[in-house]
């Protein structure tokens, strides 16, 4: 599902993803569009692909934010029916959790 999602957004300079997205088809698609993959190779690869470790480490900051957001029940269970209300709730919770840190 990564390719249909990436086709809907503006093309980034690089794509940060975890090992689950280490597929040759995705890497080829990114290479055609001049997008740098920052994806660690899976353990099954005999020849691992190089990646920018510093950029990948920054991905952890985003992962921790999502973990804190999911602690808020209203966000985790998607009580809001309207996307605009849900997005506003996510923005509010993100601001509160980052302020509290």
PDB file of N, CA and C in Angstrom:
ATOM      1  N   UNK A   1       0.811  -1.204   0.000  1.00  0.00           N
ATOM      2  CA  UNK A   1       0.000   0.000   0.000  1.00  0.00           C
ATOM      3  C   UNK A   1       0.852   1.264   0.000  1.00  0.00           C
ATOM      4  N   UNK A   2       2.153   1.137   0.054  1.00  0.00           N
ATOM      5  CA  UNK A   2       3.006   2.328   0.089  1.00  0.00           C
ATOM      6  C   UNK A   2       2.962   3.082  -1.238  1.00  0.00           C
ATOM      7  N   UNK A   3       2.976   2.378  -2.340  1.00  0.00           N
ATOM      8  CA  UNK A   3       3.007   3.051  -3.640  1.00  0.00           C
ATOM      9  C   UNK A   3       1.745   3.869  -3.920  1.00  0.00           C
ATOM     10  N   UNK A   4       0.533   3.338  -3.704  1.00  0.00           N
ATOM     11  CA  UNK A   4      -0.650   4.177  -3.921  1.00  0.00           C
ATOM     12  C   UNK A   4      -0.675   5.411  -3.022  1.00  0.00           C
ATOM     13  N   UNK A   5      -0.183   5.286  -1.806  1.00  0.00           N
ATOM     14  CA  UNK A   5      -0.136   6.422  -0.896  1.00  0.00           C
ATOM     15  C   UNK A   5       0.879   7.459  -1.379  1.00  0.00           C
ATOM     16  N   UNK A   6       2.052   7.014  -1.782  1.00  0.00           N
ATOM     17  CA  UNK A   6       3.089   7.936  -2.241  1.00  0.00           C
ATOM     18  C   UNK A   6       2.702   8.637  -3.539  1.00  0.00           C
ATOM     19  N   UNK A   7       1.888   8.007  -4.359  1.00  0.00           N
ATOM     20  CA  UNK A   7       1.451   8.635  -5.609  1.00  0.00           C
ATOM     21  C   UNK A   7       0.482   9.785  -5.358  1.00  0.00           C
ATOM     22  N   UNK A   8      -0.108   9.851  -4.184  1.00  0.00           N
ATOM     23  CA  UNK A   8      -1.100  10.879  -3.864  1.00  0.00           C
ATOM     24  C   UNK A   8      -0.499  12.129  -3.223  1.00  0.00           C
ATOM     25  N   UNK A   9       0.757  12.071  -2.814  1.00  0.00           N
ATOM     26  CA  UNK A   9       1.373  13.206  -2.125  1.00  0.00           C
ATOM     27  C   UNK A   9       2.485  13.812  -2.983  1.00  0.00           C
ATOM     28  N   UNK A  10       2.908  15.005  -2.603  1.00  0.00           N
ATOM     29  CA  UNK A  10       4.035  15.644  -3.292  1.00  0.00           C
ATOM     30  C   UNK A  10       5.292  14.814  -3.047  1.00  0.00           C
ATOM     31  N   UNK A  11       6.122  14.696  -4.056  1.00  0.00           N
ATOM     32  CA  UNK A  11       7.308  13.857  -3.945  1.00  0.00           C
ATOM     33  C   UNK A  11       8.325  14.457  -2.979  1.00  0.00           C
ATOM     34  N   UNK A  12       8.735  13.682  -1.978  1.00  0.00           N
ATOM     35  CA  UNK A  12       9.730  14.176  -1.017  1.00  0.00           C
ATOM     36  C   UNK A  12      11.149  13.980  -1.549  1.00  0.00           C
ATOM     37  N   UNK A  13      12.120  14.515  -0.821  1.00  0.00           N
ATOM     38  CA  UNK A  13      13.527  14.304  -1.183  1.00  0.00           C
ATOM     39  C   UNK A  13      14.000  12.927  -0.744  1.00  0.00           C
ATOM     40  N   UNK A  14      13.474  12.480   0.405  1.00  0.00           N
ATOM     41  CA  UNK A  14      13.822  11.149   0.896  1.00  0.00           C
ATOM     42  C   UNK A  14      12.642  10.536   1.627  1.00  0.00           C
ATOM     43  N   UNK A  15      12.641   9.223   1.695  1.00  0.00           N
ATOM     44  CA  UNK A  15      11.568   8.484   2.349  1.00  0.00           C
ATOM     45  C   UNK A  15      12.165   7.713   3.519  1.00  0.00           C
ATOM     46  N   UNK A  16      11.682   8.005   4.715  1.00  0.00           N
ATOM     47  CA  UNK A  16      12.121   7.296   5.907  1.00  0.00           C
ATOM     48  C   UNK A  16      11.105   6.210   6.216  1.00  0.00           C
ATOM     49  N   UNK A  17      11.564   4.991   6.327  1.00  0.00           N
ATOM     50  CA  UNK A  17      10.669   3.874   6.621  1.00  0.00           C
ATOM     51  C   UNK A  17      11.442   2.806   7.384  1.00  0.00           C
ATOM     52  N   UNK A  18      10.703   1.888   7.997  1.00  0.00           N
ATOM     53  CA  UNK A  18      11.384   0.829   8.737  1.00  0.00           C
ATOM     54  C   UNK A  18      11.650  -0.368   7.825  1.00  0.00           C
ATOM     55  N   UNK A  19      12.182  -1.421   8.399  1.00  0.00           N
ATOM     56  CA  UNK A  19      12.601  -2.598   7.631  1.00  0.00           C
ATOM     57  C   UNK A  19      11.465  -3.272   6.871  1.00  0.00           C
ATOM     58  N   UNK A  20      10.256  -3.088   7.304  1.00  0.00           N
ATOM     59  CA  UNK A  20       9.122  -3.728   6.634  1.00  0.00           C
ATOM     60  C   UNK A  20       8.952  -3.226   5.206  1.00  0.00           C
ATOM     61  N   UNK A  21       9.461  -2.049   4.910  1.00  0.00           N
ATOM     62  CA  UNK A  21       9.332  -1.472   3.571  1.00  0.00           C
ATOM     63  C   UNK A  21      10.571  -1.712   2.715  1.00  0.00           C
ATOM     64  N   UNK A  22      11.416  -2.627   3.103  1.00  0.00           N
ATOM     65  CA  UNK A  22      12.610  -2.948   2.332  1.00  0.00           C
ATOM     66  C   UNK A  22      12.247  -3.939   1.224  1.00  0.00           C
ATOM     67  N   UNK A  23      11.693  -3.411   0.150  1.00  0.00           N
ATOM     68  CA  UNK A  23      11.336  -4.227  -1.014  1.00  0.00           C
ATOM     69  C   UNK A  23      11.995  -3.624  -2.248  1.00  0.00           C
ATOM     70  N   UNK A  24      12.456  -4.481  -3.120  1.00  0.00           N
ATOM     71  CA  UNK A  24      13.116  -3.996  -4.328  1.00  0.00           C
ATOM     72  C   UNK A  24      12.174  -3.171  -5.194  1.00  0.00           C
ATOM     73  N   UNK A  25      10.897  -3.548  -5.235  1.00  0.00           N
ATOM     74  CA  UNK A  25       9.941  -2.797  -6.047  1.00  0.00           C
ATOM     75  C   UNK A  25       9.787  -1.365  -5.542  1.00  0.00           C
ATOM     76  N   UNK A  26       9.725  -1.184  -4.238  1.00  0.00           N
ATOM     77  CA  UNK A  26       9.626   0.163  -3.666  1.00  0.00           C
ATOM     78  C   UNK A  26      10.914   0.945  -3.903  1.00  0.00           C
ATOM     79  N   UNK A  27      12.044   0.308  -3.716  1.00  0.00           N
ATOM     80  CA  UNK A  27      13.327   0.983  -3.945  1.00  0.00           C
ATOM     81  C   UNK A  27      13.474   1.411  -5.403  1.00  0.00           C
ATOM     82  N   UNK A  28      13.034   0.565  -6.336  1.00  0.00           N
ATOM     83  CA  UNK A  28      13.095   0.920  -7.760  1.00  0.00           C
ATOM     84  C   UNK A  28      12.178   2.103  -8.066  1.00  0.00           C
ATOM     85  N   UNK A  29      10.973   2.080  -7.486  1.00  0.00           N
ATOM     86  CA  UNK A  29      10.013   3.174  -7.697  1.00  0.00           C
ATOM     87  C   UNK A  29      10.599   4.484  -7.190  1.00  0.00           C
ATOM     88  N   UNK A  30      11.235   4.453  -6.019  1.00  0.00           N
ATOM     89  CA  UNK A  30      11.856   5.653  -5.453  1.00  0.00           C
ATOM     90  C   UNK A  30      13.032   6.127  -6.312  1.00  0.00           C
ATOM     91  N   UNK A  31      13.817   5.188  -6.810  1.00  0.00           N
ATOM     92  CA  UNK A  31      14.971   5.548  -7.632  1.00  0.00           C
ATOM     93  C   UNK A  31      14.530   6.222  -8.930  1.00  0.00           C
ATOM     94  N   UNK A  32      13.439   5.752  -9.531  1.00  0.00           N
ATOM     95  CA  UNK A  32      12.922   6.363 -10.756  1.00  0.00           C
ATOM     96  C   UNK A  32      12.534   7.819 -10.531  1.00  0.00           C
ATOM     97  N   UNK A  33      12.085   8.144  -9.335  1.00  0.00           N
ATOM     98  CA  UNK A  33      11.625   9.493  -9.023  1.00  0.00           C
ATOM     99  C   UNK A  33      12.668  10.313  -8.275  1.00  0.00           C
ATOM    100  N   UNK A  34      13.882   9.808  -8.213  1.00  0.00           N
ATOM    101  CA  UNK A  34      15.005  10.486  -7.542  1.00  0.00           C
ATOM    102  C   UNK A  34      14.725  10.796  -6.075  1.00  0.00           C
ATOM    103  N   UNK A  35      14.095   9.850  -5.391  1.00  0.00           N
ATOM    104  CA  UNK A  35      13.831   9.960  -3.951  1.00  0.00           C
ATOM    105  C   UNK A  35      14.817   9.038  -3.239  1.00  0.00           C
ATOM    106  N   UNK A  36      15.521   9.575  -2.262  1.00  0.00           N
ATOM    107  CA  UNK A  36      16.505   8.785  -1.527  1.00  0.00           C
ATOM    108  C   UNK A  36      15.801   7.916  -0.487  1.00  0.00           C
ATOM    109  N   UNK A  37      15.932   6.590  -0.579  1.00  0.00           N
ATOM    110  CA  UNK A  37      15.333   5.737   0.451  1.00  0.00           C
ATOM    111  C   UNK A  37      16.200   5.687   1.700  1.00  0.00           C
ATOM    112  N   UNK A  38      15.607   5.968   2.830  1.00  0.00           N
ATOM    113  CA  UNK A  38      16.290   5.827   4.124  1.00  0.00           C
ATOM    114  C   UNK A  38      15.589   4.672   4.819  1.00  0.00           C
ATOM    115  N   UNK A  39      15.921   3.479   4.341  1.00  0.00           N
ATOM    116  CA  UNK A  39      15.270   2.254   4.801  1.00  0.00           C
ATOM    117  C   UNK A  39      16.365   1.251   5.129  1.00  0.00           C
ATOM    118  N   UNK A  40      16.463   0.795   6.370  1.00  0.00           N
ATOM    119  CA  UNK A  40      17.456  -0.229   6.672  1.00  0.00           C
ATOM    120  C   UNK A  40      17.087  -1.537   5.971  1.00  0.00           C
ATOM    121  N   UNK A  41      18.086  -2.295   5.595  1.00  0.00           N
ATOM    122  CA  UNK A  41      17.839  -3.559   4.917  1.00  0.00           C
ATOM    123  C   UNK A  41      17.310  -4.597   5.901  1.00  0.00           C
ATOM    124  N   UNK A  42      16.474  -5.484   5.388  1.00  0.00           N
ATOM    125  CA  UNK A  42      15.964  -6.556   6.241  1.00  0.00           C
ATOM    126  C   UNK A  42      17.092  -7.538   6.532  1.00  0.00           C
ATOM    127  N   UNK A  43      16.911  -8.312   7.549  1.00  0.00           N
ATOM    128  CA  UNK A  43      17.935  -9.275   7.966  1.00  0.00           C
ATOM    129  C   UNK A  43      18.161 -10.351   6.902  1.00  0.00           C
ATOM    130  N   UNK A  44      17.164 -10.594   6.062  1.00  0.00           N
ATOM    131  CA  UNK A  44      17.263 -11.653   5.058  1.00  0.00           C
ATOM    132  C   UNK A  44      18.141 -11.271   3.863  1.00  0.00           C
ATOM    133  N   UNK A  45      18.433  -9.996   3.694  1.00  0.00           N
ATOM    134  CA  UNK A  45      19.267  -9.564   2.554  1.00  0.00           C
ATOM    135  C   UNK A  45      20.711 -10.020   2.748  1.00  0.00           C
ATOM    136  N   UNK A  46      21.275 -10.573   1.686  1.00  0.00           N
ATOM    137  CA  UNK A  46      22.680 -10.985   1.774  1.00  0.00           C
ATOM    138  C   UNK A  46      23.605  -9.784   1.605  1.00  0.00           C
ATOM    139  N   UNK A  47      23.214  -8.824   0.736  1.00  0.00           N
ATOM    140  CA  UNK A  47      23.984  -7.598   0.551  1.00  0.00           C
ATOM    141  C   UNK A  47      23.097  -6.429   0.997  1.00  0.00           C
ATOM    142  N   UNK A  48      23.365  -5.865   2.172  1.00  0.00           N
ATOM    143  CA  UNK A  48      22.500  -4.787   2.659  1.00  0.00           C
ATOM    144  C   UNK A  48      22.691  -3.492   1.869  1.00  0.00           C
ATOM    145  N   UNK A  49      21.600  -2.738   1.741  1.00  0.00           N
ATOM    146  CA  UNK A  49      21.654  -1.430   1.093  1.00  0.00           C
ATOM    147  C   UNK A  49      22.134  -0.391   2.108  1.00  0.00           C
ATOM    148  N   UNK A  50      22.968   0.547   1.681  1.00  0.00           N
ATOM    149  CA  UNK A  50      23.386   1.613   2.612  1.00  0.00           C
ATOM    150  C   UNK A  50      22.230   2.598   2.846  1.00  0.00           C
ATOM    151  N   UNK A  51      22.222   3.223   4.019  1.00  0.00           N
ATOM    152  CA  UNK A  51      21.207   4.231   4.331  1.00  0.00           C
ATOM    153  C   UNK A  51      21.788   5.236   5.305  1.00  0.00           C
ATOM    154  N   UNK A  52      21.153   6.401   5.361  1.00  0.00           N
ATOM    155  CA  UNK A  52      21.606   7.494   6.219  1.00  0.00           C
ATOM    156  C   UNK A  52      21.142   7.224   7.648  1.00  0.00           C
ATOM    157  N   UNK A  53      22.044   6.806   8.504  1.00  0.00           N
ATOM    158  CA  UNK A  53      21.674   6.445   9.880  1.00  0.00           C
ATOM    159  C   UNK A  53      21.190   7.649  10.687  1.00  0.00           C
ATOM    160  N   UNK A  54      21.778   8.808  10.457  1.00  0.00           N
ATOM    161  CA  UNK A  54      21.373  10.004  11.203  1.00  0.00           C
ATOM    162  C   UNK A  54      19.927  10.383  10.870  1.00  0.00           C
ATOM    163  N   UNK A  55      19.578  10.352   9.593  1.00  0.00           N
ATOM    164  CA  UNK A  55      18.209  10.670   9.188  1.00  0.00           C
ATOM    165  C   UNK A  55      17.241   9.629   9.728  1.00  0.00           C
ATOM    166  N   UNK A  56      17.635   8.366   9.721  1.00  0.00           N
ATOM    167  CA  UNK A  56      16.758   7.311  10.229  1.00  0.00           C
ATOM    168  C   UNK A  56      16.549   7.461  11.729  1.00  0.00           C
ATOM    169  N   UNK A  57      17.575   7.887  12.439  1.00  0.00           N
ATOM    170  CA  UNK A  57      17.456   8.056  13.892  1.00  0.00           C
ATOM    171  C   UNK A  57      16.469   9.175  14.233  1.00  0.00           C
ATOM    172  N   UNK A  58      16.401  10.198  13.399  1.00  0.00           N
ATOM    173  CA  UNK A  58      15.445  11.289  13.638  1.00  0.00           C
ATOM    174  C   UNK A  58      14.004  10.818  13.498  1.00  0.00           C
ATOM    175  N   UNK A  59      13.807   9.729  12.781  1.00  0.00           N
ATOM    176  CA  UNK A  59      12.476   9.150  12.626  1.00  0.00           C
ATOM    177  C   UNK A  59      11.910   8.727  13.989  1.00  0.00           C
ATOM    178  N   UNK A  60      12.776   8.386  14.912  1.00  0.00           N
ATOM    179  CA  UNK A  60      12.370   7.961  16.242  1.00  0.00           C
ATOM    180  C   UNK A  60      11.611   9.060  16.984  1.00  0.00           C
ATOM    181  N   UNK A  61      11.945  10.304  16.753  1.00  0.00           N
ATOM    182  CA  UNK A  61      11.249  11.424  17.395  1.00  0.00           C
ATOM    183  C   UNK A  61       9.769  11.410  16.995  1.00  0.00           C
ATOM    184  N   UNK A  62       9.511  11.170  15.734  1.00  0.00           N
ATOM    185  CA  UNK A  62       8.132  11.114  15.242  1.00  0.00           C
ATOM    186  C   UNK A  62       7.410   9.911  15.829  1.00  0.00           C
ATOM    187  N   UNK A  63       8.078   8.762  15.887  1.00  0.00           N
ATOM    188  CA  UNK A  63       7.473   7.557  16.453  1.00  0.00           C
ATOM    189  C   UNK A  63       7.076   7.770  17.918  1.00  0.00           C
ATOM    190  N   UNK A  64       7.936   8.431  18.690  1.00  0.00           N
ATOM    191  CA  UNK A  64       7.618   8.684  20.096  1.00  0.00           C
ATOM    192  C   UNK A  64       6.430   9.628  20.243  1.00  0.00           C
ATOM    193  N   UNK A  65       6.314  10.619  19.342  1.00  0.00           N
ATOM    194  CA  UNK A  65       5.163  11.524  19.375  1.00  0.00           C
ATOM    195  C   UNK A  65       3.879  10.743  19.142  1.00  0.00           C
ATOM    196  N   UNK A  66       3.872   9.850  18.156  1.00  0.00           N
ATOM    197  CA  UNK A  66       2.673   9.055  17.893  1.00  0.00           C
ATOM    198  C   UNK A  66       2.325   8.159  19.081  1.00  0.00           C
ATOM    199  N   UNK A  67       3.326   7.619  19.756  1.00  0.00           N
ATOM    200  CA  UNK A  67       3.047   6.794  20.938  1.00  0.00           C
ATOM    201  C   UNK A  67       2.392   7.619  22.044  1.00  0.00           C
ATOM    202  N   UNK A  68       2.854   8.854  22.238  1.00  0.00           N
ATOM    203  CA  UNK A  68       2.235   9.711  23.260  1.00  0.00           C
ATOM    204  C   UNK A  68       0.822  10.111  22.862  1.00  0.00           C
ATOM    205  N   UNK A  69       0.608  10.364  21.588  1.00  0.00           N
ATOM    206  CA  UNK A  69      -0.732  10.747  21.126  1.00  0.00           C
ATOM    207  C   UNK A  69      -1.717   9.606  21.346  1.00  0.00           C
ATOM    208  N   UNK A  70      -1.280   8.376  21.113  1.00  0.00           N
ATOM    209  CA  UNK A  70      -2.171   7.221  21.249  1.00  0.00           C
ATOM    210  C   UNK A  70      -2.593   6.973  22.692  1.00  0.00           C
ATOM    211  N   UNK A  71      -1.916   7.594  23.654  1.00  0.00           N
ATOM    212  CA  UNK A  71      -2.335   7.448  25.046  1.00  0.00           C
ATOM    213  C   UNK A  71      -3.639   8.199  25.331  1.00  0.00           C
ATOM    214  N   UNK A  72      -4.025   9.121  24.464  1.00  0.00           N
ATOM    215  CA  UNK A  72      -5.269   9.861  24.622  1.00  0.00           C
ATOM    216  C   UNK A  72      -6.387   9.042  23.981  1.00  0.00           C
ATOM    217  N   UNK A  73      -7.343   8.629  24.788  1.00  0.00           N
ATOM    218  CA  UNK A  73      -8.386   7.713  24.349  1.00  0.00           C
ATOM    219  C   UNK A  73      -9.186   8.236  23.168  1.00  0.00           C
ATOM    220  N   UNK A  74      -9.528   9.497  23.184  1.00  0.00           N
ATOM    221  CA  UNK A  74     -10.342  10.068  22.110  1.00  0.00           C
ATOM    222  C   UNK A  74      -9.629   9.965  20.765  1.00  0.00           C
ATOM    223  N   UNK A  75      -8.310  10.119  20.764  1.00  0.00           N
ATOM    224  CA  UNK A  75      -7.540  10.033  19.523  1.00  0.00           C
ATOM    225  C   UNK A  75      -7.370   8.576  19.113  1.00  0.00           C
ATOM    226  N   UNK A  76      -7.028   7.721  20.056  1.00  0.00           N
ATOM    227  CA  UNK A  76      -6.765   6.316  19.740  1.00  0.00           C
ATOM    228  C   UNK A  76      -7.992   5.599  19.199  1.00  0.00           C
ATOM    229  N   UNK A  77      -9.187   5.954  19.701  1.00  0.00           N
ATOM    230  CA  UNK A  77     -10.405   5.267  19.267  1.00  0.00           C
ATOM    231  C   UNK A  77     -11.174   6.017  18.199  1.00  0.00           C
ATOM    232  N   UNK A  78     -10.704   7.189  17.786  1.00  0.00           N
ATOM    233  CA  UNK A  78     -11.316   7.988  16.720  1.00  0.00           C
ATOM    234  C   UNK A  78     -12.800   8.248  16.986  1.00  0.00           C
ATOM    235  N   UNK A  79     -13.096   8.836  18.133  1.00  0.00           N
ATOM    236  CA  UNK A  79     -14.478   9.166  18.472  1.00  0.00           C
ATOM    237  C   UNK A  79     -15.084  10.206  17.535  1.00  0.00           C
ATOM    238  N   UNK A  80     -14.289  11.132  17.052  1.00  0.00           N
ATOM    239  CA  UNK A  80     -14.805  12.195  16.188  1.00  0.00           C
ATOM    240  C   UNK A  80     -15.177  11.630  14.820  1.00  0.00           C
ATOM    241  N   UNK A  81     -16.338  12.028  14.324  1.00  0.00           N
ATOM    242  CA  UNK A  81     -16.778  11.529  13.022  1.00  0.00           C
ATOM    243  C   UNK A  81     -16.241  12.374  11.878  1.00  0.00           C
ATOM    244  N   UNK A  82     -16.059  13.649  12.113  1.00  0.00           N
ATOM    245  CA  UNK A  82     -15.560  14.532  11.059  1.00  0.00           C
ATOM    246  C   UNK A  82     -14.038  14.558  11.073  1.00  0.00           C
ATOM    247  N   UNK A  83     -13.451  14.472   9.888  1.00  0.00           N
ATOM    248  CA  UNK A  83     -11.995  14.471   9.771  1.00  0.00           C
ATOM    249  C   UNK A  83     -11.390  15.768  10.308  1.00  0.00           C
ATOM    250  N   UNK A  84     -12.067  16.884  10.086  1.00  0.00           N
ATOM    251  CA  UNK A  84     -11.551  18.170  10.563  1.00  0.00           C
ATOM    252  C   UNK A  84     -11.489  18.197  12.090  1.00  0.00           C
ATOM    253  N   UNK A  85     -12.511  17.660  12.755  1.00  0.00           N
ATOM    254  CA  UNK A  85     -12.506  17.615  14.221  1.00  0.00           C
ATOM    255  C   UNK A  85     -11.413  16.685  14.746  1.00  0.00           C
ATOM    256  N   UNK A  86     -11.231  15.548  14.057  1.00  0.00           N
ATOM    257  CA  UNK A  86     -10.197  14.598  14.470  1.00  0.00           C
ATOM    258  C   UNK A  86      -8.808  15.216  14.312  1.00  0.00           C
ATOM    259  N   UNK A  87      -8.582  15.891  13.196  1.00  0.00           N
ATOM    260  CA  UNK A  87      -7.292  16.533  12.958  1.00  0.00           C
ATOM    261  C   UNK A  87      -7.031  17.630  13.988  1.00  0.00           C
ATOM    262  N   UNK A  88      -8.062  18.377  14.337  1.00  0.00           N
ATOM    263  CA  UNK A  88      -7.900  19.407  15.366  1.00  0.00           C
ATOM    264  C   UNK A  88      -7.544  18.774  16.711  1.00  0.00           C
ATOM    265  N   UNK A  89      -8.173  17.646  17.027  1.00  0.00           N
ATOM    266  CA  UNK A  89      -7.857  16.938  18.265  1.00  0.00           C
ATOM    267  C   UNK A  89      -6.429  16.429  18.284  1.00  0.00           C
ATOM    268  N   UNK A  90      -5.977  15.886  17.160  1.00  0.00           N
ATOM    269  CA  UNK A  90      -4.596  15.405  17.062  1.00  0.00           C
ATOM    270  C   UNK A  90      -3.620  16.559  17.247  1.00  0.00           C
ATOM    271  N   UNK A  91      -3.903  17.695  16.618  1.00  0.00           N
ATOM    272  CA  UNK A  91      -3.024  18.863  16.754  1.00  0.00           C
ATOM    273  C   UNK A  91      -2.984  19.346  18.200  1.00  0.00           C
ATOM    274  N   UNK A  92      -4.135  19.379  18.849  1.00  0.00           N
ATOM    275  CA  UNK A  92      -4.197  19.821  20.246  1.00  0.00           C
ATOM    276  C   UNK A  92      -3.426  18.873  21.154  1.00  0.00           C
ATOM    277  N   UNK A  93      -3.639  17.585  20.999  1.00  0.00           N
ATOM    278  CA  UNK A  93      -2.959  16.603  21.836  1.00  0.00           C
ATOM    279  C   UNK A  93      -1.457  16.630  21.576  1.00  0.00           C
ATOM    280  N   UNK A  94      -1.051  16.790  20.309  1.00  0.00           N
ATOM    281  CA  UNK A  94       0.379  16.859  19.998  1.00  0.00           C
ATOM    282  C   UNK A  94       1.020  18.067  20.666  1.00  0.00           C
ATOM    283  N   UNK A  95       0.318  19.193  20.636  1.00  0.00           N
ATOM    284  CA  UNK A  95       0.856  20.390  21.277  1.00  0.00           C
ATOM    285  C   UNK A  95       0.961  20.212  22.787  1.00  0.00           C
ATOM    286  N   UNK A  96      -0.062  19.626  23.389  1.00  0.00           N
ATOM    287  CA  UNK A  96      -0.065  19.433  24.844  1.00  0.00           C
ATOM    288  C   UNK A  96       1.025  18.447  25.263  1.00  0.00           C
ATOM    289  N   UNK A  97       1.166  17.346  24.527  1.00  0.00           N
ATOM    290  CA  UNK A  97       2.159  16.349  24.917  1.00  0.00           C
ATOM    291  C   UNK A  97       3.585  16.860  24.718  1.00  0.00           C
ATOM    292  N   UNK A  98       3.817  17.637  23.672  1.00  0.00           N
ATOM    293  CA  UNK A  98       5.149  18.197  23.465  1.00  0.00           C
ATOM    294  C   UNK A  98       5.446  19.293  24.487  1.00  0.00           C
ATOM    295  N   UNK A  99       4.450  20.060  24.880  1.00  0.00           N
ATOM    296  CA  UNK A  99       4.633  21.112  25.877  1.00  0.00           C
ATOM    297  C   UNK A  99       4.948  20.496  27.236  1.00  0.00           C
ATOM    298  N   UNK A 100       4.327  19.374  27.546  1.00  0.00           N
ATOM    299  CA  UNK A 100       4.515  18.729  28.833  1.00  0.00           C
ATOM    300  C   UNK A 100       5.878  18.049  28.942  1.00  0.00           C
ATOM    301  N   UNK A 101       6.506  17.789  27.826  1.00  0.00           N
ATOM    302  CA  UNK A 101       7.810  17.107  27.859  1.00  0.00           C
ATOM    303  C   UNK A 101       8.832  18.060  28.296  1.00  0.00           C
TER     304      UNK A 101
END
